[in-house]
Amino acid sequence: MLQHLRFKRPEEYSRALFLVEAWPELLLSQTATDGNERVERLRNWLAKQATQKERLMLLPHLLLPIFWRRISFFGLRTGFARDIKIDHLPASKTGSEKSDLQSRSIEAVRSSLIKQTALMCGMLLLATVAAKTVNLEKERVNLLRPGRLMERPLLKIVLTVLMIFGLSFTIHAASAPTRVVIAFAAMNARTAPLWAAQDQGFFTKNGIDAVTIFVSGAPILLTGMTSGDIHVGYTGGTAVLGAAVGGADLKILVSFTNRVTYDLVARQGTKSPEDLRGKSIGVVSIGGTNWMGTILGLERLGLEPSRDNINLRVIGDDSVRVQALVAGTIDATAIDGVYSRRLHERGFPILAEFSKLNLPIISTGVVARKTYIEKQLPAVENVLKALLEGNAFVLAPANKSSTLKIIQRHLKVSDREAEEGYKDMAIGLERRPFPTADGLRNAQRLMKLRNPKVETVRVEDLIDDRILRRLDEGGFIDRLYIPAGAK
């Protein structure tokens, strides 16, 4: 390339030769301060000795080969990424886990290459603008004289192709889905809106690359959110109230279930709730949503655990408590209808259906950190849109068969059990899932018995329904429940 340039002095040619050889090394260097003597010499020369003419006349010649080198590298690496095999994983890894890891590897390579390509396109654009704005005719550089550069047909084609490549890659990078890690801590049918949003493609539709994971218990989920590993939590508001005492900046955005929906089931032979005085009742954990729902239900029935000597025992999730009740380890428990109806068929009495008592509590909602909401507001809004679409999908009678398949697939239950879970879901989910302060106040009243500091928390400050309210006022929620084809 240098033989086409006209230099006034031999020293200019030497400098240009050094620049052509060393500048690619600088641009492709991993670090700006790698201590490379050659790069340091170039950096100093560019800053102190190189003239504007030397920089401008050499820039296009330097950018083109470097850019084509990057394009070649792009094609090679993407081809390699598509052929990545995750065969070195242990046998315990499932096919879906291998596929997920492979897709992550490809995404990482693609993201890096897009950034590099966009950078080179930007540099090329700057060089073109500079060449047009500087009067190089006065500097006696014939090759880059205004008009002469773009008179070369081949160079016109090259520049056009490069700019198209760069624009397409930049647009792709700008429109790439936002990756959001969403965790849930309950394996029941009321998690169906989240599963439907994932399975039916509502996250993808709203520009979200959602990674949904199950964690065993709200405390672990909140720990992951505090560390930043989990972006959004699908959990109860009671856990948020407890975390707020420790200074966590968590906000409740949506509450799909605002009331207690358990059934109180007792061992065979129990006639009424009064028979539970002096007996043991199984719960998931002390201080959790099930524990609170059980106490609220007992209070409505005229029972008080301390006064009536009722022992609340930590047993475990619904399936474990069912086994404990059948075995006689406990005398009663508050469980979801999918289990209570099966027990009732075996002769275990249902003493109360809490869903009919309208007991306010926030048991299934969407939670995020305040800092994450502020930094990723569009992404949070799109997550809520997807979840609202999932909620409307599972509540629509026309989608019942698809919803049953979603419940059956995720809970690994039979057709009959999925049908029972569907009934629980339909009873518990809200069409307009606004969080309620009354539900949090109920939780606060019970939690302060074990932790007096909970009383210092202002429950209204834990609710952030701005996004949900804006969507509702704009008609977004109403449109989700309009039958297909209706106006």
Protein backbone atom coordinates (compact mmCIF):
# COMPACT_ATOMS: atom_id res chain seq x y z
CA MET A 1 0.00 0.00 0.00
CA LEU A 2 2.80 2.40 0.83
CA GLN A 3 4.13 2.51 -2.72
CA HIS A 4 0.96 4.36 -3.78
CA LEU A 5 1.67 7.20 -1.33
CA ARG A 6 3.84 10.17 -2.18
CA PHE A 7 6.24 11.29 0.54
CA LYS A 8 8.10 14.56 0.49
CA ARG A 9 10.99 13.27 2.62
CA PRO A 10 12.51 9.79 3.15
CA GLU A 11 11.89 10.15 6.88
CA GLU A 12 8.13 10.25 6.23
CA TYR A 13 8.32 6.88 4.50
CA SER A 14 10.22 5.37 7.43
CA ARG A 15 7.71 6.68 9.89
CA ALA A 16 4.82 5.43 7.76
CA LEU A 17 6.39 1.98 7.44
CA PHE A 18 6.81 1.80 11.20
CA LEU A 19 3.22 2.96 11.68
CA VAL A 20 1.78 0.34 9.31
CA GLU A 21 3.69 -2.44 11.05
CA ALA A 22 3.03 -1.37 14.63
CA TRP A 23 -0.46 0.12 14.67
CA PRO A 24 -2.32 -3.19 14.16
CA GLU A 25 -0.42 -4.53 17.13
CA LEU A 26 -1.66 -1.62 19.21
CA LEU A 27 -5.28 -1.97 18.08
CA LEU A 28 -5.37 -5.72 18.62
CA SER A 29 -3.51 -5.62 21.93
CA GLN A 30 -5.41 -7.08 24.89
CA THR A 31 -4.32 -4.31 27.26
CA ALA A 32 -3.39 -0.69 26.78
CA THR A 33 -0.46 -0.94 29.18
CA ASP A 34 1.08 -4.29 28.33
CA GLY A 35 4.61 -2.94 28.52
CA ASN A 36 5.37 -3.82 24.91
CA GLU A 37 8.24 -1.58 23.87
CA ARG A 38 7.12 -1.40 20.29
CA VAL A 39 3.62 -0.29 21.24
CA GLU A 40 5.01 2.26 23.67
CA ARG A 41 7.19 3.75 20.92
CA LEU A 42 4.18 3.95 18.64
CA ARG A 43 2.04 5.55 21.32
CA ASN A 44 4.66 8.21 21.98
CA TRP A 45 5.20 8.82 18.28
CA LEU A 46 1.48 9.27 17.64
CA ALA A 47 1.17 11.66 20.58
CA LYS A 48 4.27 13.80 20.02
CA GLN A 49 5.72 13.45 16.50
CA ALA A 50 3.15 12.28 13.98
CA THR A 51 1.60 15.03 11.91
CA GLN A 52 -2.09 15.26 11.14
CA LYS A 53 -1.31 14.53 7.49
CA GLU A 54 0.47 11.28 8.38
CA ARG A 55 -2.36 10.09 10.57
CA LEU A 56 -5.09 10.88 8.05
CA MET A 57 -3.38 9.52 4.97
CA LEU A 58 -2.56 6.20 6.61
CA LEU A 59 -5.75 5.60 8.57
CA PRO A 60 -7.88 4.11 5.74
CA HIS A 61 -5.03 1.85 4.65
CA LEU A 62 -4.60 0.59 8.18
CA LEU A 63 -8.28 0.10 8.96
CA LEU A 64 -9.20 -1.93 5.89
CA PRO A 65 -6.82 -4.88 6.40
CA ILE A 66 -7.47 -4.89 10.15
CA PHE A 67 -11.22 -4.80 9.59
CA TRP A 68 -11.13 -7.64 7.08
CA ARG A 69 -8.99 -9.59 9.53
CA ARG A 70 -11.73 -9.14 12.13
CA ILE A 71 -14.44 -10.15 9.65
CA SER A 72 -12.49 -13.30 8.78
CA PHE A 73 -12.04 -14.00 12.47
CA PHE A 74 -15.79 -13.49 12.96
CA GLY A 75 -16.68 -16.09 10.35
CA LEU A 76 -14.18 -18.59 11.70
CA ARG A 77 -15.23 -18.20 15.34
CA THR A 78 -18.98 -18.33 14.73
CA GLY A 79 -18.53 -21.45 12.66
CA PHE A 80 -16.52 -22.97 15.47
CA ALA A 81 -19.07 -21.88 18.09
CA ARG A 82 -21.90 -23.62 16.29
CA ASP A 83 -19.93 -26.86 16.43
CA ILE A 84 -19.17 -26.66 20.15
CA LYS A 85 -19.73 -30.03 21.79
CA ILE A 86 -20.27 -30.32 25.50
CA ASP A 87 -19.13 -33.93 25.68
CA HIS A 88 -16.72 -33.41 28.56
CA LEU A 89 -19.52 -32.83 31.08
CA PRO A 90 -20.25 -35.53 33.69
CA ALA A 91 -22.91 -38.06 32.91
CA SER A 92 -25.14 -36.41 35.51
CA LYS A 93 -25.62 -33.42 33.21
CA THR A 94 -28.84 -33.68 31.23
CA GLY A 95 -29.26 -32.91 27.58
CA SER A 96 -30.98 -29.61 28.38
CA GLU A 97 -28.08 -28.55 30.61
CA LYS A 98 -25.59 -29.34 27.87
CA SER A 99 -27.69 -27.45 25.36
CA ASP A 100 -27.94 -24.46 27.69
CA LEU A 101 -24.16 -24.40 28.21
CA GLN A 102 -23.56 -24.66 24.48
CA SER A 103 -25.93 -21.77 23.76
CA ARG A 104 -24.23 -19.68 26.44
CA SER A 105 -20.82 -20.33 24.87
CA ILE A 106 -22.06 -19.33 21.43
CA GLU A 107 -23.69 -16.21 22.85
CA ALA A 108 -20.47 -15.19 24.60
CA VAL A 109 -18.43 -15.56 21.39
CA ARG A 110 -21.03 -13.75 19.32
CA SER A 111 -21.37 -10.87 21.78
CA SER A 112 -17.61 -10.32 21.89
CA LEU A 113 -17.28 -10.36 18.10
CA ILE A 114 -20.19 -7.99 17.61
CA LYS A 115 -18.55 -5.45 19.91
CA GLN A 116 -15.24 -5.75 18.05
CA THR A 117 -16.91 -5.36 14.67
CA ALA A 118 -18.95 -2.35 15.80
CA LEU A 119 -15.74 -0.73 17.11
CA MET A 120 -13.98 -1.14 13.78
CA CYS A 121 -16.99 0.26 11.89
CA GLY A 122 -16.98 3.30 14.14
CA MET A 123 -13.29 3.87 13.47
CA LEU A 124 -13.84 3.53 9.75
CA LEU A 125 -16.67 6.06 9.87
CA LEU A 126 -14.48 8.52 11.76
CA ALA A 127 -11.73 8.09 9.18
CA THR A 128 -14.15 8.78 6.33
CA VAL A 129 -15.53 11.90 8.01
CA ALA A 130 -12.03 13.15 8.76
CA ALA A 131 -10.92 12.60 5.17
CA LYS A 132 -13.86 14.64 3.88
CA THR A 133 -13.51 17.51 6.32
CA VAL A 134 -9.77 18.11 6.11
CA ASN A 135 -8.46 19.88 3.03
CA LEU A 136 -5.71 17.44 2.13
CA GLU A 137 -5.03 19.17 -1.16
CA LYS A 138 -3.11 21.81 0.73
CA GLU A 139 -1.02 19.07 2.32
CA ARG A 140 -0.10 17.69 -1.16
CA VAL A 141 -1.51 14.24 -0.46
CA ASN A 142 -2.91 13.31 -3.84
CA LEU A 143 -4.41 9.96 -2.88
CA LEU A 144 -6.72 11.36 -0.24
CA ARG A 145 -7.60 14.61 -1.97
CA PRO A 146 -11.35 15.30 -1.62
CA GLY A 147 -13.23 13.43 -4.32
CA ARG A 148 -10.33 11.20 -5.32
CA LEU A 149 -10.84 8.69 -2.51
CA MET A 150 -14.42 7.89 -3.47
CA GLU A 151 -13.63 7.91 -7.21
CA ARG A 152 -12.17 4.39 -6.89
CA PRO A 153 -15.06 1.93 -7.62
CA LEU A 154 -13.51 -0.96 -5.71
CA LEU A 155 -12.97 1.17 -2.61
CA LYS A 156 -16.57 2.40 -2.84
CA ILE A 157 -17.81 -1.18 -2.80
CA VAL A 158 -15.55 -2.16 0.07
CA LEU A 159 -16.60 0.78 2.22
CA THR A 160 -20.30 0.21 1.49
CA VAL A 161 -20.12 -3.49 2.36
CA LEU A 162 -18.20 -2.78 5.55
CA MET A 163 -20.68 -0.16 6.71
CA ILE A 164 -23.61 -2.51 6.01
CA PHE A 165 -21.91 -5.26 7.98
CA GLY A 166 -21.19 -2.92 10.85
CA LEU A 167 -24.72 -1.48 10.91
CA SER A 168 -26.35 -4.92 10.91
CA PHE A 169 -24.12 -6.16 13.71
CA THR A 170 -24.69 -3.00 15.73
CA ILE A 171 -28.47 -3.27 15.31
CA HIS A 172 -28.34 -6.90 16.38
CA ALA A 173 -26.35 -6.01 19.48
CA ALA A 174 -28.77 -3.22 20.38
CA SER A 175 -31.83 -5.48 19.95
CA ALA A 176 -30.43 -8.51 21.74
CA PRO A 177 -32.73 -9.83 24.51
CA THR A 178 -31.93 -8.77 28.06
CA ARG A 179 -30.83 -11.70 30.17
CA VAL A 180 -32.79 -11.92 33.45
CA VAL A 181 -32.42 -14.63 36.09
CA ILE A 182 -35.79 -15.37 37.72
CA ALA A 183 -35.98 -17.69 40.73
CA PHE A 184 -39.01 -19.27 42.37
CA ALA A 185 -39.23 -21.10 45.68
CA ALA A 186 -42.58 -22.90 45.54
CA MET A 187 -43.48 -25.97 43.48
CA ASN A 188 -47.24 -25.57 43.16
CA ALA A 189 -49.79 -24.71 40.51
CA ARG A 190 -49.75 -21.00 41.43
CA THR A 191 -46.32 -20.82 39.77
CA ALA A 192 -48.07 -21.52 36.44
CA PRO A 193 -47.95 -17.86 35.23
CA LEU A 194 -44.15 -17.99 35.37
CA TRP A 195 -43.99 -21.36 33.62
CA ALA A 196 -46.46 -20.24 30.96
CA ALA A 197 -44.48 -17.06 30.28
CA GLN A 198 -41.43 -19.24 29.65
CA ASP A 199 -43.08 -22.09 27.74
CA GLN A 200 -45.36 -19.94 25.59
CA GLY A 201 -42.60 -17.51 24.59
CA PHE A 202 -43.96 -14.42 26.35
CA PHE A 203 -40.51 -13.55 27.71
CA THR A 204 -38.97 -13.75 24.25
CA LYS A 205 -41.84 -11.72 22.81
CA ASN A 206 -41.05 -8.93 25.27
CA GLY A 207 -37.30 -8.96 24.64
CA ILE A 208 -36.29 -10.95 27.73
CA ASP A 209 -33.87 -13.88 27.76
CA ALA A 210 -35.27 -15.41 30.96
CA VAL A 211 -33.42 -18.04 32.97
CA THR A 212 -35.86 -19.57 35.47
CA ILE A 213 -34.46 -21.59 38.38
CA PHE A 214 -35.97 -23.29 41.43
CA VAL A 215 -34.45 -22.73 44.86
CA SER A 216 -35.55 -24.56 48.00
CA GLY A 217 -36.93 -21.82 50.20
CA ALA A 218 -37.48 -18.08 50.16
CA PRO A 219 -34.47 -17.31 52.43
CA ILE A 220 -32.07 -18.85 49.90
CA LEU A 221 -33.82 -17.03 47.07
CA LEU A 222 -33.49 -13.67 48.85
CA THR A 223 -29.83 -14.35 49.58
CA GLY A 224 -29.27 -14.85 45.85
CA MET A 225 -31.08 -11.59 45.10
CA THR A 226 -29.01 -9.68 47.64
CA SER A 227 -25.80 -10.98 46.06
CA GLY A 228 -27.01 -10.02 42.58
CA ASP A 229 -27.02 -13.58 41.20
CA ILE A 230 -30.82 -13.53 41.00
CA HIS A 231 -32.48 -10.50 39.40
CA VAL A 232 -36.17 -11.20 39.99
CA GLY A 233 -37.84 -13.36 42.61
CA TYR A 234 -41.19 -15.14 42.27
CA THR A 235 -41.96 -15.48 45.96
CA GLY A 236 -44.10 -14.33 48.88
CA GLY A 237 -44.21 -10.90 50.44
CA THR A 238 -43.65 -12.25 53.94
CA ALA A 239 -40.05 -13.13 53.09
CA VAL A 240 -39.51 -9.59 51.80
CA LEU A 241 -40.78 -8.17 55.09
CA GLY A 242 -38.28 -10.25 57.02
CA ALA A 243 -35.43 -9.25 54.70
CA ALA A 244 -36.33 -5.57 55.05
CA VAL A 245 -35.47 -5.74 58.75
CA GLY A 246 -31.91 -6.60 57.73
CA GLY A 247 -31.71 -3.64 55.35
CA ALA A 248 -32.46 -5.38 52.05
CA ASP A 249 -33.73 -2.96 49.36
CA LEU A 250 -36.41 -5.30 48.03
CA LYS A 251 -39.66 -4.15 46.44
CA ILE A 252 -42.87 -6.09 45.77
CA LEU A 253 -43.96 -5.32 42.21
CA VAL A 254 -46.84 -7.76 41.74
CA SER A 255 -48.85 -10.08 43.98
CA PHE A 256 -50.64 -12.82 42.09
CA THR A 257 -52.14 -14.24 45.31
CA ASN A 258 -53.41 -11.80 47.93
CA ARG A 259 -55.25 -14.14 50.27
CA VAL A 260 -54.79 -17.41 52.09
CA THR A 261 -55.94 -20.32 49.92
CA TYR A 262 -55.08 -23.39 52.06
CA ASP A 263 -57.49 -26.05 53.29
CA LEU A 264 -57.21 -27.18 56.91
CA VAL A 265 -57.18 -30.99 56.89
CA ALA A 266 -57.16 -33.11 60.07
CA ARG A 267 -56.60 -36.75 60.91
CA GLN A 268 -59.50 -39.17 60.63
CA GLY A 269 -62.06 -38.88 63.41
CA THR A 270 -61.61 -35.12 63.95
CA LYS A 271 -65.07 -33.51 64.07
CA SER A 272 -64.43 -29.75 64.33
CA PRO A 273 -61.66 -27.14 64.65
CA GLU A 274 -62.18 -27.11 68.43
CA ASP A 275 -60.85 -30.66 68.53
CA LEU A 276 -57.40 -29.29 67.60
CA ARG A 277 -56.81 -27.77 71.06
CA GLY A 278 -53.74 -29.38 72.57
CA LYS A 279 -52.83 -31.02 69.25
CA SER A 280 -49.99 -30.56 66.73
CA ILE A 281 -50.31 -28.90 63.33
CA GLY A 282 -47.62 -29.28 60.67
CA VAL A 283 -46.19 -26.26 58.81
CA VAL A 284 -43.47 -25.72 56.22
CA SER A 285 -41.33 -23.47 58.42
CA ILE A 286 -41.68 -21.03 61.29
CA GLY A 287 -42.16 -17.51 59.99
CA GLY A 288 -42.98 -18.54 56.41
CA THR A 289 -46.12 -17.97 54.36
CA ASN A 290 -47.65 -21.34 55.26
CA TRP A 291 -47.03 -20.70 58.95
CA MET A 292 -48.72 -17.30 58.73
CA GLY A 293 -51.63 -18.60 56.69
CA THR A 294 -52.19 -21.35 59.24
CA ILE A 295 -52.26 -18.90 62.16
CA LEU A 296 -54.56 -16.48 60.33
CA GLY A 297 -56.94 -19.33 59.56
CA LEU A 298 -56.91 -20.59 63.14
CA GLU A 299 -57.62 -17.07 64.42
CA ARG A 300 -60.67 -16.81 62.15
CA LEU A 301 -61.85 -20.14 63.55
CA GLY A 302 -61.53 -18.86 67.10
CA LEU A 303 -58.27 -20.63 67.97
CA GLU A 304 -55.02 -19.14 69.22
CA PRO A 305 -51.91 -21.39 69.29
CA SER A 306 -50.47 -20.09 72.57
CA ARG A 307 -53.75 -19.97 74.45
CA ASP A 308 -55.06 -23.28 73.14
CA ASN A 309 -51.75 -25.11 73.45
CA ILE A 310 -51.54 -25.88 69.75
CA ASN A 311 -48.06 -27.03 68.75
CA LEU A 312 -46.93 -25.79 65.31
CA ARG A 313 -44.34 -28.29 64.12
CA VAL A 314 -41.94 -27.78 61.22
CA ILE A 315 -42.47 -30.78 58.91
CA GLY A 316 -41.75 -29.67 55.35
CA ASP A 317 -43.55 -29.04 52.06
CA ASP A 318 -47.04 -30.24 51.16
CA SER A 319 -46.11 -33.77 50.13
CA VAL A 320 -44.12 -34.36 53.32
CA ARG A 321 -46.90 -32.99 55.52
CA VAL A 322 -49.41 -35.24 53.79
CA GLN A 323 -47.27 -38.26 54.63
CA ALA A 324 -46.94 -37.08 58.23
CA LEU A 325 -50.70 -36.67 58.55
CA VAL A 326 -51.37 -40.12 57.13
CA ALA A 327 -48.76 -41.64 59.43
CA GLY A 328 -50.26 -39.89 62.48
CA THR A 329 -47.14 -37.81 63.18
CA ILE A 330 -49.25 -34.63 63.18
CA ASP A 331 -52.95 -34.01 63.81
CA ALA A 332 -53.66 -31.45 61.11
CA THR A 333 -52.08 -29.25 58.47
CA ALA A 334 -53.02 -26.43 56.08
CA ILE A 335 -52.30 -27.54 52.52
CA ASP A 336 -53.25 -26.79 48.92
CA GLY A 337 -56.47 -28.19 47.54
CA VAL A 338 -54.67 -30.60 45.21
CA TYR A 339 -53.64 -32.56 48.31
CA SER A 340 -56.64 -31.85 50.56
CA ARG A 341 -59.15 -33.28 48.08
CA ARG A 342 -57.17 -36.49 47.74
CA LEU A 343 -56.99 -36.82 51.52
CA HIS A 344 -60.70 -36.12 51.83
CA GLU A 345 -61.42 -39.06 49.52
CA ARG A 346 -59.49 -41.26 51.94
CA GLY A 347 -61.56 -40.17 54.91
CA PHE A 348 -59.55 -37.20 56.22
CA PRO A 349 -61.92 -34.31 57.07
CA ILE A 350 -61.49 -30.80 55.68
CA LEU A 351 -62.22 -28.60 58.67
CA ALA A 352 -62.06 -25.29 56.80
CA GLU A 353 -61.45 -23.83 53.36
CA PHE A 354 -59.41 -20.72 54.05
CA SER A 355 -59.90 -19.44 50.49
CA LYS A 356 -63.52 -18.67 51.39
CA LEU A 357 -62.60 -16.65 54.49
CA ASN A 358 -60.86 -13.77 52.62
CA LEU A 359 -57.73 -13.66 54.77
CA PRO A 360 -55.35 -10.99 53.31
CA ILE A 361 -51.75 -12.07 52.77
CA ILE A 362 -49.17 -11.74 49.98
CA SER A 363 -48.17 -15.32 49.25
CA THR A 364 -47.15 -15.32 45.57
CA GLY A 365 -45.62 -12.24 44.03
CA VAL A 366 -42.84 -10.71 41.98
CA VAL A 367 -39.93 -9.12 43.84
CA ALA A 368 -36.84 -7.17 42.74
CA ARG A 369 -34.15 -5.03 44.32
CA LYS A 370 -34.67 -1.28 44.20
CA THR A 371 -31.25 -0.75 42.62
CA TYR A 372 -31.97 -3.29 39.89
CA ILE A 373 -35.33 -1.68 39.12
CA GLU A 374 -33.69 1.73 38.75
CA LYS A 375 -30.90 0.45 36.50
CA GLN A 376 -32.99 -1.96 34.42
CA LEU A 377 -36.44 -0.34 34.41
CA PRO A 378 -37.33 -1.31 30.79
CA ALA A 379 -36.27 -4.91 31.43
CA VAL A 380 -38.30 -5.08 34.66
CA GLU A 381 -41.35 -3.71 32.84
CA ASN A 382 -40.95 -6.31 30.10
CA VAL A 383 -40.64 -9.09 32.69
CA LEU A 384 -43.91 -7.94 34.28
CA LYS A 385 -45.59 -7.80 30.87
CA ALA A 386 -44.55 -11.38 30.16
CA LEU A 387 -45.75 -12.58 33.57
CA LEU A 388 -49.07 -10.77 33.17
CA GLU A 389 -49.50 -12.44 29.80
CA GLY A 390 -48.67 -15.77 31.43
CA ASN A 391 -51.23 -15.09 34.15
CA ALA A 392 -53.93 -14.26 31.60
CA PHE A 393 -53.02 -17.34 29.57
CA VAL A 394 -53.44 -19.83 32.42
CA LEU A 395 -56.68 -18.19 33.60
CA ALA A 396 -58.29 -18.27 30.15
CA PRO A 397 -60.76 -21.20 29.91
CA ALA A 398 -59.81 -21.66 26.26
CA ASN A 399 -56.24 -22.49 27.33
CA LYS A 400 -57.17 -25.01 30.00
CA SER A 401 -55.75 -28.03 28.17
CA SER A 402 -52.43 -26.25 27.53
CA THR A 403 -52.31 -25.05 31.14
CA LEU A 404 -52.90 -28.57 32.42
CA LYS A 405 -49.95 -29.77 30.35
CA ILE A 406 -47.78 -26.98 31.78
CA ILE A 407 -48.72 -27.92 35.36
CA GLN A 408 -48.24 -31.62 34.69
CA ARG A 409 -44.86 -31.15 33.04
CA HIS A 410 -43.39 -28.91 35.73
CA LEU A 411 -44.87 -30.61 38.79
CA LYS A 412 -44.41 -34.16 37.41
CA VAL A 413 -47.94 -35.13 38.40
CA SER A 414 -50.69 -37.24 36.86
CA ASP A 415 -53.58 -35.92 34.78
CA ARG A 416 -55.88 -36.03 37.78
CA GLU A 417 -53.42 -34.22 40.05
CA ALA A 418 -52.88 -31.58 37.39
CA GLU A 419 -56.64 -31.04 37.25
CA GLU A 420 -56.74 -30.53 41.01
CA GLY A 421 -53.82 -28.12 40.80
CA TYR A 422 -55.60 -26.18 38.09
CA LYS A 423 -58.57 -25.67 40.42
CA ASP A 424 -56.26 -24.31 43.15
CA MET A 425 -54.59 -22.00 40.68
CA ALA A 426 -57.89 -20.64 39.38
CA ILE A 427 -59.05 -19.93 42.95
CA GLY A 428 -55.84 -18.24 44.08
CA LEU A 429 -54.65 -16.09 41.14
CA GLU A 430 -55.71 -12.45 40.74
CA ARG A 431 -56.47 -10.91 37.37
CA ARG A 432 -55.26 -7.52 38.59
CA PRO A 433 -52.40 -8.55 40.84
CA PHE A 434 -51.84 -5.36 42.83
CA PRO A 435 -49.96 -5.91 46.11
CA THR A 436 -52.00 -5.00 49.20
CA ALA A 437 -50.70 -3.36 52.35
CA ASP A 438 -53.29 -5.30 54.38
CA GLY A 439 -51.59 -8.57 53.49
CA LEU A 440 -48.23 -7.22 54.64
CA ARG A 441 -49.73 -5.84 57.84
CA ASN A 442 -51.07 -9.27 58.72
CA ALA A 443 -47.60 -10.71 58.16
CA GLN A 444 -46.01 -7.91 60.17
CA ARG A 445 -48.34 -8.50 63.12
CA LEU A 446 -47.41 -12.17 63.28
CA MET A 447 -43.70 -11.75 62.61
CA LYS A 448 -43.16 -9.15 65.31
CA LEU A 449 -44.03 -11.82 67.91
CA ARG A 450 -40.72 -13.46 67.02
CA ASN A 451 -38.78 -10.38 65.88
CA PRO A 452 -39.85 -7.04 67.44
CA LYS A 453 -37.74 -5.12 64.88
CA VAL A 454 -40.27 -6.02 62.18
CA GLU A 455 -42.63 -3.44 63.66
CA THR A 456 -40.26 -0.65 62.62
CA VAL A 457 -40.75 -1.43 58.92
CA ARG A 458 -43.27 0.70 57.05
CA VAL A 459 -45.03 -1.86 54.89
CA GLU A 460 -46.15 0.71 52.31
CA ASP A 461 -42.49 1.32 51.49
CA LEU A 462 -42.08 -2.31 50.43
CA ILE A 463 -44.62 -1.98 47.62
CA ASP A 464 -43.68 -0.49 44.25
CA ASP A 465 -46.64 -0.87 41.89
CA ARG A 466 -45.77 2.05 39.59
CA ILE A 467 -45.11 -0.16 36.58
CA LEU A 468 -48.18 -2.30 37.16
CA ARG A 469 -50.39 0.75 37.64
CA ARG A 470 -49.09 2.36 34.45
CA LEU A 471 -49.76 -0.82 32.49
CA ASP A 472 -53.24 -1.09 33.97
CA GLU A 473 -54.12 2.55 33.26
CA GLY A 474 -52.90 2.10 29.70
CA GLY A 475 -55.30 -0.81 29.17
CA PHE A 476 -52.60 -3.48 28.92
CA ILE A 477 -54.21 -5.82 31.48
CA ASP A 478 -57.74 -5.38 30.08
CA ARG A 479 -56.57 -6.28 26.58
CA LEU A 480 -55.12 -9.57 27.85
CA TYR A 481 -58.58 -10.81 28.83
CA ILE A 482 -60.40 -9.82 25.64
CA PRO A 483 -61.35 -13.04 23.80
CA ALA A 484 -59.61 -13.62 20.49
CA GLY A 485 -61.47 -11.91 17.68
CA ALA A 486 -63.52 -9.70 20.01
CA LYS A 487 -63.40 -5.91 19.80
